[in-house]
């Protein structure tokens, strides 16, 4: 079967997987979705004996049908290699009544590595397949982790440039240092005076600017995205949910067909959408528990059916989730918007127009019924801190602030519902990435200590080795010093590309 992709806002524009990866965003501003969701054609019991790389091929071949077996296996092999500090790629730790899926063993110690280590290979392969002559410009907004993972993936990749925008005062010190010390002749990092939503909106506006696209093409450039709006980001994320179920099956922690709940700390909605895709593939996932921090726009949506970003933006200790515009939710809204592709596209386009103009929209009761597998929850800052301390004291295991949001939501959900289904928590970042917040939660004195002194202390407390990603930024020089106002973002891009 040759699976095609279409815009969430227009069912007439259909492209191949490689074309969708190249474009990033559909020409009408919509996101690309598969015309139908495939099913696994191999049993979970057979998959259970396979490596991460082998499972990645079996999953990704269903979505990327215009990639040859040789092309796809090359991309997978090049991505999931010794950049990860464990052969398992995504190990699972059983702790305090839940299974923690550690997605932070890649080069930048956050879950974004799982997809962004393969995206450059998918993108350059797609460019060759489609005979693209232009130099590809990766334009990305980041709430902290995507930026560094994308920079690491695309640095010095021939035929590409990468420009990353991040909120200057909205990321951790380690996150910022990881980005501004990034080497690579084709890499550019720009801080903005604004939040992540401002950065994401600015990037989307540039993608939708037809005049800018023409100017770029005249200069030999083509925009593409490394954000989770790119289907080349989403598909690799589906893999680790299939893999984790298979690992638990292989270890005897799950019986054949036994349901598994999944809890995901969520900002832009891509990571939990990947779990939904895994469920649709045939993985026995029961509840999809969407965990928010105090920017609880998604919790309110799943509770009331109204998505409303008109609210105060709160800076929290889990900055990668400080988001009020969850772009990937549009893909889910499209899927529940009607029975035909035309009906879905029309309904979704109407709702997204309302979001753009009014900052909110509300779905119908019929649409809400299709979301019965989703549970919304949120954790306040004090709850996030408390659960870091709880897990450490009970299980001698240190988790980061984002994972703690998910753990807090899980424990609250379990207590309220009595649901005893075995549960997987997506552990999305290493505690070393947010050391100060983690150490404060563990009630360690932090005011008189530098971040790196706290990192050394965390290593002693957690009995774990300091990741290479942290060691290499201790003395690295700051390379990228550009900062701008949000309205100057396009001007900065034009200056870099000399357009």
Protein backbone atom coordinates (compact mmCIF):
# COMPACT_ATOMS: atom_id res chain seq x y z
CA UNK A 1 0.00 0.00 0.00
CA UNK A 2 1.28 3.44 -0.94
CA UNK A 3 0.26 5.69 1.95
CA UNK A 4 -0.33 9.32 1.04
CA UNK A 5 -0.54 12.42 3.26
CA UNK A 6 -2.96 15.30 3.11
CA UNK A 7 -3.45 18.63 4.83
CA UNK A 8 -5.66 18.81 7.92
CA UNK A 9 -7.34 21.81 6.27
CA UNK A 10 -7.77 20.68 2.65
CA UNK A 11 -8.38 17.11 1.54
CA UNK A 12 -7.42 17.93 -2.07
CA UNK A 13 -3.69 18.37 -1.43
CA UNK A 14 -2.16 14.88 -1.25
CA UNK A 15 1.57 14.16 -1.20
CA UNK A 16 3.91 11.23 -0.58
CA UNK A 17 5.63 10.72 2.77
CA UNK A 18 8.93 12.09 1.47
CA UNK A 19 7.19 15.19 0.07
CA UNK A 20 5.40 15.75 3.41
CA UNK A 21 8.74 15.52 5.26
CA UNK A 22 10.32 18.01 2.86
CA UNK A 23 7.47 20.54 3.07
CA UNK A 24 7.04 20.28 6.83
CA UNK A 25 3.83 22.33 6.75
CA UNK A 26 1.09 22.09 4.12
CA UNK A 27 0.74 25.07 1.77
CA UNK A 28 -2.57 26.10 3.42
CA UNK A 29 -1.02 26.18 6.89
CA UNK A 30 -2.41 22.76 7.85
CA UNK A 31 -0.44 19.77 9.09
CA UNK A 32 0.11 16.62 7.10
CA UNK A 33 -1.77 13.50 8.22
CA UNK A 34 -1.85 10.03 6.63
CA UNK A 35 -4.96 9.44 4.50
CA UNK A 36 -5.52 6.40 6.71
CA UNK A 37 -3.76 5.02 9.78
CA UNK A 38 -2.01 1.72 9.01
CA UNK A 39 -2.07 -1.45 11.13
CA UNK A 40 0.88 -3.56 12.23
CA UNK A 41 1.37 -6.50 9.87
CA UNK A 42 3.52 -8.44 12.30
CA UNK A 43 2.55 -9.72 15.78
CA UNK A 44 3.74 -8.02 18.95
CA UNK A 45 5.06 -11.40 20.11
CA UNK A 46 7.40 -11.55 17.09
CA UNK A 47 8.38 -7.89 17.55
CA UNK A 48 9.18 -8.57 21.22
CA UNK A 49 12.38 -10.43 20.30
CA UNK A 50 13.63 -7.64 18.01
CA UNK A 51 16.05 -4.77 18.64
CA UNK A 52 15.01 -1.12 18.70
CA UNK A 53 16.35 -0.65 15.17
CA UNK A 54 14.44 -3.65 13.84
CA UNK A 55 11.18 -2.53 15.43
CA UNK A 56 11.79 0.97 14.05
CA UNK A 57 11.89 -0.46 10.53
CA UNK A 58 8.73 -2.54 10.99
CA UNK A 59 6.81 0.52 12.25
CA UNK A 60 8.22 3.24 10.02
CA UNK A 61 7.85 1.27 6.78
CA UNK A 62 4.08 1.39 7.31
CA UNK A 63 4.08 5.20 7.30
CA UNK A 64 6.96 6.01 4.93
CA UNK A 65 5.90 3.83 2.02
CA UNK A 66 7.81 5.66 -0.71
CA UNK A 67 11.15 5.01 1.03
CA UNK A 68 12.84 1.82 -0.16
CA UNK A 69 13.87 -0.82 2.38
CA UNK A 70 17.51 0.09 1.78
CA UNK A 71 16.87 3.83 2.24
CA UNK A 72 14.85 3.42 5.42
CA UNK A 73 17.24 0.94 7.02
CA UNK A 74 20.15 3.26 6.23
CA UNK A 75 18.36 6.17 7.97
CA UNK A 76 17.60 4.00 11.02
CA UNK A 77 21.12 2.59 11.29
CA UNK A 78 22.69 6.05 10.96
CA UNK A 79 20.37 7.49 13.63
CA UNK A 80 20.26 4.88 16.37
CA UNK A 81 23.94 4.17 16.91
CA UNK A 82 26.54 5.07 19.54
CA UNK A 83 25.08 8.60 19.83
CA UNK A 84 22.91 6.84 22.40
CA UNK A 85 24.64 5.74 25.60
CA UNK A 86 22.75 2.43 25.80
CA UNK A 87 22.18 -0.32 23.24
CA UNK A 88 18.53 -0.46 24.31
CA UNK A 89 18.15 3.13 23.03
CA UNK A 90 15.09 3.60 25.29
CA UNK A 91 15.42 1.50 28.48
CA UNK A 92 12.53 1.02 30.91
CA UNK A 93 12.97 1.37 34.68
CA UNK A 94 10.36 -0.05 37.07
CA UNK A 95 10.01 2.35 39.97
CA UNK A 96 7.41 3.20 42.62
CA UNK A 97 4.57 1.31 40.96
CA UNK A 98 5.10 2.45 37.36
CA UNK A 99 7.33 1.81 34.37
CA UNK A 100 9.47 4.79 33.35
CA UNK A 101 10.38 4.83 29.66
CA UNK A 102 13.72 6.68 29.60
CA UNK A 103 13.78 8.69 26.40
CA UNK A 104 16.85 10.74 27.29
CA UNK A 105 19.83 8.57 26.38
CA UNK A 106 20.66 10.43 23.17
CA UNK A 107 23.15 13.17 22.40
CA UNK A 108 21.19 16.00 24.05
CA UNK A 109 19.61 14.01 26.95
CA UNK A 110 15.97 14.69 26.06
CA UNK A 111 13.28 12.76 24.20
CA UNK A 112 13.58 14.97 21.14
CA UNK A 113 16.74 12.99 20.25
CA UNK A 114 14.57 9.97 19.51
CA UNK A 115 13.15 11.66 16.41
CA UNK A 116 15.68 14.37 15.63
CA UNK A 117 18.55 11.92 15.31
CA UNK A 118 16.79 10.38 12.30
CA UNK A 119 15.06 13.43 10.77
CA UNK A 120 18.19 14.80 8.99
CA UNK A 121 18.65 11.41 7.30
CA UNK A 122 14.97 11.21 6.33
CA UNK A 123 15.08 14.77 5.03
CA UNK A 124 18.24 14.44 2.93
CA UNK A 125 16.98 11.11 1.53
CA UNK A 126 13.64 12.76 0.71
CA UNK A 127 15.46 15.62 -1.04
CA UNK A 128 17.34 13.16 -3.28
CA UNK A 129 14.15 11.20 -4.03
CA UNK A 130 12.37 14.36 -5.12
CA UNK A 131 15.36 15.82 -6.99
CA UNK A 132 15.44 18.94 -4.83
CA UNK A 133 18.22 21.26 -5.97
CA UNK A 134 17.73 24.01 -3.35
CA UNK A 135 19.60 24.16 -0.06
CA UNK A 136 17.19 23.17 2.73
CA UNK A 137 16.75 25.71 5.52
CA UNK A 138 15.48 24.14 8.74
CA UNK A 139 13.50 26.80 10.59
CA UNK A 140 12.54 25.85 14.14
CA UNK A 141 11.04 27.28 17.31
CA UNK A 142 11.95 25.58 20.56
CA UNK A 143 10.74 25.55 24.14
CA UNK A 144 14.16 24.22 25.10
CA UNK A 145 14.82 20.69 23.86
CA UNK A 146 13.86 20.56 20.17
CA UNK A 147 16.38 23.32 19.41
CA UNK A 148 19.45 21.56 20.71
CA UNK A 149 18.41 18.16 19.36
CA UNK A 150 17.78 19.67 15.92
CA UNK A 151 21.06 21.59 16.00
CA UNK A 152 22.95 18.43 16.94
CA UNK A 153 21.22 16.48 14.17
CA UNK A 154 21.69 19.02 11.37
CA UNK A 155 25.07 20.56 12.29
CA UNK A 156 27.33 20.43 9.22
CA UNK A 157 24.90 18.22 7.25
CA UNK A 158 25.64 19.07 3.59
CA UNK A 159 22.91 20.94 1.72
CA UNK A 160 21.23 22.27 4.88
CA UNK A 161 21.16 25.29 7.17
CA UNK A 162 19.40 25.36 10.55
CA UNK A 163 18.00 28.45 12.30
CA UNK A 164 16.60 28.03 15.82
CA UNK A 165 14.54 30.57 17.79
CA UNK A 166 14.10 30.16 21.55
CA UNK A 167 12.57 32.28 24.38
CA UNK A 168 15.56 34.06 25.89
CA UNK A 169 14.25 33.91 29.46
CA UNK A 170 12.14 30.78 29.14
CA UNK A 171 14.61 27.88 29.17
CA UNK A 172 16.94 26.39 31.77
CA UNK A 173 20.60 27.45 31.93
CA UNK A 174 21.70 24.03 30.72
CA UNK A 175 19.22 24.15 27.82
CA UNK A 176 20.47 27.59 26.79
CA UNK A 177 24.13 26.62 27.10
CA UNK A 178 23.56 23.53 24.99
CA UNK A 179 22.17 25.70 22.18
CA UNK A 180 24.43 28.75 22.27
CA UNK A 181 27.61 26.63 22.33
CA UNK A 182 26.54 24.54 19.31
CA UNK A 183 29.24 24.22 16.66
CA UNK A 184 28.51 23.99 12.93
CA UNK A 185 29.06 26.38 10.04
CA UNK A 186 25.40 25.96 9.02
CA UNK A 187 23.88 26.51 12.50
CA UNK A 188 22.29 29.72 13.84
CA UNK A 189 20.65 30.27 17.24
CA UNK A 190 18.56 33.35 18.10
CA UNK A 191 16.98 34.26 21.43
CA UNK A 192 13.71 36.21 21.31
CA UNK A 193 12.14 38.58 23.83
CA UNK A 194 8.96 36.53 24.15
CA UNK A 195 7.73 33.05 25.00
CA UNK A 196 7.66 29.80 23.04
CA UNK A 197 4.22 30.50 21.58
CA UNK A 198 5.59 33.79 20.17
CA UNK A 199 8.51 31.93 18.61
CA UNK A 200 6.27 29.20 17.18
CA UNK A 201 3.81 31.76 15.75
CA UNK A 202 6.66 33.69 14.12
CA UNK A 203 8.02 30.54 12.50
CA UNK A 204 4.56 29.51 11.22
CA UNK A 205 4.05 32.99 9.73
CA UNK A 206 7.32 32.66 7.81
CA UNK A 207 6.28 29.25 6.49
CA UNK A 208 2.99 30.73 5.28
CA UNK A 209 4.59 33.82 3.70
CA UNK A 210 4.40 33.22 -0.07
CA UNK A 211 6.54 36.27 -0.89
CA UNK A 212 9.29 35.08 1.43
CA UNK A 213 9.14 31.60 -0.11
CA UNK A 214 9.60 33.12 -3.57
CA UNK A 215 12.56 35.25 -2.41
CA UNK A 216 14.16 32.17 -0.85
CA UNK A 217 13.64 30.07 -3.97
CA UNK A 218 15.26 32.79 -6.08
CA UNK A 219 18.30 32.54 -3.79
CA UNK A 220 18.31 28.73 -3.94
CA UNK A 221 16.71 27.98 -0.55
CA UNK A 222 13.76 25.84 0.56
CA UNK A 223 12.18 26.07 4.04
CA UNK A 224 11.51 22.91 6.04
CA UNK A 225 10.75 22.28 9.70
CA UNK A 226 12.27 20.20 12.49
CA UNK A 227 9.39 20.99 14.85
CA UNK A 228 6.93 18.26 15.74
CA UNK A 229 4.61 19.67 13.08
CA UNK A 230 6.83 17.73 10.61
CA UNK A 231 5.51 14.21 10.05
CA UNK A 232 9.17 13.11 9.94
CA UNK A 233 9.28 13.94 13.66
CA UNK A 234 6.03 12.23 14.57
CA UNK A 235 6.53 8.85 12.87
CA UNK A 236 9.82 7.98 14.68
CA UNK A 237 8.11 8.77 17.99
CA UNK A 238 5.49 6.08 17.37
CA UNK A 239 8.32 3.53 17.42
CA UNK A 240 9.19 3.81 21.10
CA UNK A 241 5.64 3.15 22.26
CA UNK A 242 5.52 -0.03 20.18
CA UNK A 243 9.01 -0.94 21.43
CA UNK A 244 8.17 -0.34 25.09
CA UNK A 245 5.09 -2.56 24.99
CA UNK A 246 7.15 -5.27 23.29
CA UNK A 247 9.95 -4.97 25.88
CA UNK A 248 7.47 -5.36 28.74
CA UNK A 249 5.94 -8.34 26.93
CA UNK A 250 9.38 -9.89 26.42
CA UNK A 251 10.29 -9.36 30.10
CA UNK A 252 7.07 -11.04 31.29
CA UNK A 253 5.81 -7.78 32.82
CA UNK A 254 2.80 -7.89 30.48
CA UNK A 255 0.78 -10.84 29.23
CA UNK A 256 -0.29 -11.18 25.61
CA UNK A 257 -3.04 -8.63 24.90
CA UNK A 258 -2.84 -7.08 28.38
CA UNK A 259 -3.74 -3.36 28.31
CA UNK A 260 -1.23 -0.67 29.23
CA UNK A 261 -1.94 2.92 30.21
CA UNK A 262 0.47 5.59 28.97
CA UNK A 263 1.15 8.92 30.70
CA UNK A 264 2.90 11.64 28.71
CA UNK A 265 4.04 15.08 29.94
CA UNK A 266 2.61 17.22 27.20
CA UNK A 267 3.17 20.66 25.68
CA UNK A 268 2.94 20.64 21.89
CA UNK A 269 0.97 17.34 21.89
CA UNK A 270 3.28 15.47 19.47
CA UNK A 271 4.58 12.92 21.97
CA UNK A 272 1.15 11.77 23.17
CA UNK A 273 -0.20 11.84 19.61
CA UNK A 274 2.52 9.33 18.74
CA UNK A 275 1.17 7.07 21.51
CA UNK A 276 -2.31 7.43 19.97
CA UNK A 277 -0.89 6.38 16.59
CA UNK A 278 0.71 3.34 18.28
CA UNK A 279 -2.67 2.44 19.76
CA UNK A 280 -4.25 2.73 16.31
CA UNK A 281 -1.50 0.47 14.91
CA UNK A 282 -2.74 -2.27 17.24
CA UNK A 283 -0.75 -1.86 20.47
CA UNK A 284 -3.10 -2.60 23.44
CA UNK A 285 -2.85 0.87 24.97
CA UNK A 286 -5.88 1.62 27.14
CA UNK A 287 -5.86 5.17 28.51
CA UNK A 288 -3.77 7.99 27.06
CA UNK A 289 -3.16 10.26 30.04
CA UNK A 290 -2.22 13.79 28.99
CA UNK A 291 -0.22 15.49 31.75
CA UNK A 292 0.05 19.29 31.82
CA UNK A 293 1.82 21.70 34.15
CA UNK A 294 0.14 24.92 35.33
CA UNK A 295 -0.22 26.00 31.68
CA UNK A 296 -3.14 23.58 31.64
CA UNK A 297 -4.78 24.45 28.33
CA UNK A 298 -4.89 20.75 27.34
CA UNK A 299 -6.31 19.64 30.71
CA UNK A 300 -9.11 22.18 30.29
CA UNK A 301 -9.71 21.01 26.72
CA UNK A 302 -10.11 17.35 27.66
CA UNK A 303 -12.27 18.33 30.66
CA UNK A 304 -14.61 20.80 28.92
CA UNK A 305 -14.24 20.38 25.14
CA UNK A 306 -13.10 23.99 24.80
CA UNK A 307 -9.56 24.90 23.74
CA UNK A 308 -8.80 28.41 24.98
CA UNK A 309 -5.34 29.95 24.89
CA UNK A 310 -6.58 33.30 26.19
CA UNK A 311 -4.96 33.07 29.60
CA UNK A 312 -1.88 34.02 31.55
CA UNK A 313 1.34 32.35 30.37
CA UNK A 314 3.10 30.82 33.39
CA UNK A 315 6.84 30.14 33.59
CA UNK A 316 7.31 26.83 35.45
CA UNK A 317 10.08 24.43 36.42
CA UNK A 318 9.08 22.29 33.41
CA UNK A 319 9.75 24.88 30.66
CA UNK A 320 9.46 22.52 27.69
CA UNK A 321 5.76 22.28 28.56
CA UNK A 322 5.20 26.02 28.96
CA UNK A 323 3.00 26.14 25.86
CA UNK A 324 -0.50 27.47 25.21
CA UNK A 325 -0.75 26.62 21.49
CA UNK A 326 -0.42 22.84 21.17
CA UNK A 327 0.14 22.56 17.43
CA UNK A 328 -0.12 18.79 17.10
CA UNK A 329 -3.58 18.75 18.65
CA UNK A 330 -4.78 19.87 15.21
CA UNK A 331 -4.01 16.40 13.85
CA UNK A 332 -6.20 14.78 16.48
CA UNK A 333 -8.98 17.34 15.94
CA UNK A 334 -8.91 16.52 12.22
CA UNK A 335 -9.25 12.79 12.91
CA UNK A 336 -12.38 13.26 15.06
CA UNK A 337 -13.99 15.98 12.90
CA UNK A 338 -16.20 13.81 10.71
CA UNK A 339 -16.63 10.63 8.70
CA UNK A 340 -15.24 11.78 5.33
CA UNK A 341 -11.93 13.51 4.58
CA UNK A 342 -13.79 16.49 3.14
CA UNK A 343 -15.96 16.88 6.25
CA UNK A 344 -12.91 16.58 8.50
CA UNK A 345 -10.91 19.17 6.59
CA UNK A 346 -13.77 21.70 6.51
CA UNK A 347 -14.58 21.31 10.22
CA UNK A 348 -10.94 21.44 11.29
CA UNK A 349 -10.17 24.46 9.10
CA UNK A 350 -13.11 26.30 10.69
CA UNK A 351 -11.93 25.52 14.22
CA UNK A 352 -8.32 26.50 13.47
CA UNK A 353 -9.56 29.78 11.98
CA UNK A 354 -11.47 30.43 15.21
CA UNK A 355 -8.30 29.70 17.21
CA UNK A 356 -6.33 32.14 15.09
CA UNK A 357 -8.92 34.94 15.30
CA UNK A 358 -10.46 34.45 18.74
CA UNK A 359 -7.85 32.36 20.55
CA UNK A 360 -10.33 29.56 21.25
CA UNK A 361 -12.70 26.97 19.81
CA UNK A 362 -15.09 24.32 21.10
CA UNK A 363 -15.66 20.83 19.75
CA UNK A 364 -19.06 19.12 19.49
CA UNK A 365 -20.35 16.44 21.91
CA UNK A 366 -19.99 13.90 19.08
CA UNK A 367 -16.30 14.79 18.73
CA UNK A 368 -15.78 14.59 22.49
CA UNK A 369 -17.14 11.02 22.48
CA UNK A 370 -14.26 10.03 20.19
CA UNK A 371 -11.79 11.26 22.83
CA UNK A 372 -12.94 8.83 25.53
CA UNK A 373 -9.51 7.15 25.65
CA UNK A 374 -7.83 10.44 26.59
CA UNK A 375 -7.60 11.59 30.21
CA UNK A 376 -6.43 15.10 31.09
CA UNK A 377 -4.55 15.91 34.26
CA UNK A 378 -2.27 18.64 35.55
CA UNK A 379 0.25 19.18 38.32
CA UNK A 380 0.90 22.36 40.26
CA UNK A 381 4.49 23.38 40.98
CA UNK A 382 4.34 22.15 44.57
CA UNK A 383 3.02 18.76 43.38
CA UNK A 384 5.83 18.48 40.83
CA UNK A 385 8.40 19.10 43.56
CA UNK A 386 6.73 16.69 45.97
CA UNK A 387 6.71 13.80 43.51
CA UNK A 388 10.43 14.19 42.70
CA UNK A 389 11.11 13.81 46.42
CA UNK A 390 8.61 10.94 46.77
CA UNK A 391 10.09 8.84 43.94
CA UNK A 392 13.63 9.41 45.19
CA UNK A 393 12.79 8.49 48.78
CA UNK A 394 10.67 5.47 47.85
CA UNK A 395 12.69 4.07 44.96
CA UNK A 396 16.12 5.78 45.05
CA UNK A 397 15.37 7.06 41.54
CA UNK A 398 15.72 10.70 40.42
CA UNK A 399 13.37 12.07 37.76
CA UNK A 400 13.31 15.46 36.07
CA UNK A 401 10.59 18.10 36.42
CA UNK A 402 8.71 17.16 33.22
CA UNK A 403 8.62 13.48 34.12
CA UNK A 404 7.51 14.53 37.60
CA UNK A 405 4.50 16.33 36.13
CA UNK A 406 3.51 13.05 34.46
CA UNK A 407 4.16 11.02 37.63
CA UNK A 408 2.08 13.40 39.74
CA UNK A 409 -0.82 13.23 37.29
CA UNK A 410 -0.54 9.43 37.24
CA UNK A 411 -0.66 9.05 41.02
CA UNK A 412 -3.62 11.45 41.25
CA UNK A 413 -5.47 9.64 38.46
CA UNK A 414 -4.85 6.22 40.01
CA UNK A 415 -6.06 7.41 43.43
CA UNK A 416 -9.19 9.05 42.00
CA UNK A 417 -10.17 6.32 39.52
CA UNK A 418 -8.96 3.14 41.19
CA UNK A 419 -7.61 2.10 37.77
CA UNK A 420 -4.96 -0.56 38.48
CA UNK A 421 -3.91 -1.01 34.83
CA UNK A 422 -0.13 -1.25 34.46
CA UNK A 423 1.21 2.13 33.43
CA UNK A 424 4.09 3.47 31.36
CA UNK A 425 5.31 7.00 32.09
CA UNK A 426 7.24 8.78 29.34
CA UNK A 427 10.39 10.10 31.02
CA UNK A 428 11.21 12.89 28.62
CA UNK A 429 14.41 14.46 29.98
CA UNK A 430 17.39 13.67 32.14
CA UNK A 431 17.34 15.25 35.62
CA UNK A 432 20.75 16.69 34.71
CA UNK A 433 19.03 19.02 32.27
CA UNK A 434 17.04 20.71 35.06
CA UNK A 435 19.39 20.14 37.97
CA UNK A 436 18.61 23.26 40.00
CA UNK A 437 14.87 22.58 40.05
CA UNK A 438 15.44 18.88 40.80
CA UNK A 439 17.84 19.63 43.67
CA UNK A 440 15.45 22.21 45.14
CA UNK A 441 12.75 19.52 45.10
CA UNK A 442 15.16 17.19 46.93
CA UNK A 443 15.61 20.00 49.49
CA UNK A 444 19.30 20.46 48.76
CA UNK A 445 20.68 23.97 49.37
CA UNK A 446 21.10 25.57 45.93
CA UNK A 447 21.42 29.35 46.28
CA UNK A 448 25.17 29.45 46.90
CA UNK A 449 26.01 26.86 44.21
CA UNK A 450 26.52 27.07 40.47
CA UNK A 451 24.58 24.77 38.15
CA UNK A 452 27.68 22.67 37.57
CA UNK A 453 28.35 22.28 41.30
CA UNK A 454 24.78 21.03 41.62
CA UNK A 455 25.32 18.66 38.70
CA UNK A 456 28.30 17.11 40.50
CA UNK A 457 26.19 16.76 43.64
CA UNK A 458 23.31 15.21 41.70
CA UNK A 459 25.69 12.57 40.35
CA UNK A 460 26.59 11.60 43.92
CA UNK A 461 22.97 11.56 45.08
CA UNK A 462 21.59 9.61 42.12
CA UNK A 463 24.62 7.31 41.78
CA UNK A 464 24.65 7.95 38.04
CA UNK A 465 27.34 9.16 35.67
CA UNK A 466 27.14 12.75 34.44
CA UNK A 467 26.06 12.61 30.77
CA UNK A 468 28.55 13.59 28.08
CA UNK A 469 26.09 16.24 26.88
CA UNK A 470 26.61 18.06 30.19
CA UNK A 471 30.37 17.55 30.44
CA UNK A 472 30.97 19.07 27.01
CA UNK A 473 29.28 22.40 27.83
CA UNK A 474 31.18 23.04 31.09
CA UNK A 475 33.91 24.98 29.33
CA UNK A 476 32.48 25.41 25.82
CA UNK A 477 32.60 28.98 24.47
CA UNK A 478 29.37 30.81 23.65
CA UNK A 479 29.13 31.01 19.85
CA UNK A 480 25.61 32.32 19.30
CA UNK A 481 24.76 35.71 20.83
CA UNK A 482 21.93 37.00 18.61
CA UNK A 483 18.75 38.22 20.35
CA UNK A 484 15.76 39.97 18.77
CA UNK A 485 12.18 41.13 19.31
CA UNK A 486 9.47 38.77 18.00
CA UNK A 487 8.52 41.14 15.16
CA UNK A 488 12.14 41.05 13.92
CA UNK A 489 12.32 37.25 13.46
CA UNK A 490 11.84 37.30 9.68
CA UNK A 491 14.33 40.14 9.36
CA UNK A 492 16.93 38.01 11.19
CA UNK A 493 16.32 35.07 8.85
CA UNK A 494 16.62 37.28 5.78
CA UNK A 495 19.86 38.73 7.13
CA UNK A 496 21.36 35.27 7.76
CA UNK A 497 20.37 34.02 4.30
CA UNK A 498 21.15 37.36 2.63
CA UNK A 499 17.74 37.45 0.99
